[in-house]
C-alpha cells in the first residue's frame, strides 16, 4: 500500500485531501485492493476521497 500508514497519517493531520486510484499495469489490476485502501483511509480519519472530472474535484464519501 502506498503511501505508508505513517505518511497518510501526516497528510491527514496536515489537511491534505485524499485521492484513491490504481497503479495498474494490466486491465485485471484496475481497482485491486481498493477495499484495503478505503479501510486504511478510514482508520487514519479520512471520511472522503476526491473524484475529478476535468479539473474539478468533487468529494466522495468513503
Protein backbone atom coordinates (compact mmCIF):
# COMPACT_ATOMS: atom_id res chain seq x y z
CA UNK A 1 0.00 0.00 0.00
CA UNK A 2 1.36 3.39 -0.93
CA UNK A 3 1.69 5.72 0.75
CA UNK A 4 2.53 4.09 4.06
CA UNK A 5 0.17 4.45 7.00
CA UNK A 6 2.59 6.85 8.72
CA UNK A 7 2.74 9.13 5.68
CA UNK A 8 -1.04 9.03 5.29
CA UNK A 9 -1.45 9.98 8.95
CA UNK A 10 0.83 13.01 8.41
CA UNK A 11 -1.12 14.01 5.31
CA UNK A 12 -4.42 13.75 7.18
CA UNK A 13 -3.05 15.81 10.08
CA UNK A 14 -1.90 18.48 7.62
CA UNK A 15 -5.35 18.64 5.98
CA UNK A 16 -4.22 17.14 2.66
CA UNK A 17 -7.20 15.79 0.69
CA UNK A 18 -7.17 12.17 -0.47
CA UNK A 19 -7.42 10.70 -3.94
CA UNK A 20 -7.52 6.90 -4.23
CA UNK A 21 -6.51 5.40 -7.57
CA UNK A 22 -4.92 2.33 -9.14
CA UNK A 23 -1.37 1.99 -10.43
CA UNK A 24 -2.46 -0.80 -12.74
CA UNK A 25 -0.15 -2.36 -15.29
CA UNK A 26 -2.79 -4.73 -16.67
CA UNK A 27 -6.58 -4.44 -17.01
CA UNK A 28 -7.14 -7.08 -14.32
CA UNK A 29 -5.25 -4.95 -11.80
CA UNK A 30 -7.54 -1.93 -12.04
CA UNK A 31 -9.14 -1.38 -8.64
CA UNK A 32 -7.03 -4.06 -6.96
CA UNK A 33 -7.12 -3.71 -3.17
CA UNK A 34 -9.42 -0.69 -3.37
CA UNK A 35 -11.26 -2.02 -0.32
CA UNK A 36 -7.99 -2.12 1.64
CA UNK A 37 -7.15 1.45 0.60
CA UNK A 38 -10.58 2.67 1.75
CA UNK A 39 -10.23 0.80 5.05
CA UNK A 40 -6.80 2.36 5.70
CA UNK A 41 -8.06 5.84 4.81
CA UNK A 42 -10.97 5.46 7.24
CA UNK A 43 -8.68 4.16 10.00
CA UNK A 44 -6.48 7.25 9.61
CA UNK A 45 -9.51 9.55 9.82
CA UNK A 46 -10.47 10.35 6.24
CA UNK A 47 -14.19 10.42 5.50
CA UNK A 48 -13.97 11.41 1.81
CA UNK A 49 -11.87 10.85 -1.27
CA UNK A 50 -11.79 13.10 -4.31
CA UNK A 51 -13.18 12.42 -7.75
CA UNK A 52 -12.00 14.56 -10.64
CA UNK A 53 -14.00 15.43 -13.73
CA UNK A 54 -11.81 17.56 -15.91
CA UNK A 55 -10.06 19.83 -13.45
CA UNK A 56 -12.92 19.94 -10.95
CA UNK A 57 -12.62 17.96 -7.71
CA UNK A 58 -15.71 16.55 -6.04
CA UNK A 59 -15.58 14.98 -2.56
CA UNK A 60 -17.00 11.44 -2.45
CA UNK A 61 -17.86 9.80 0.90
CA UNK A 62 -15.82 6.72 1.73
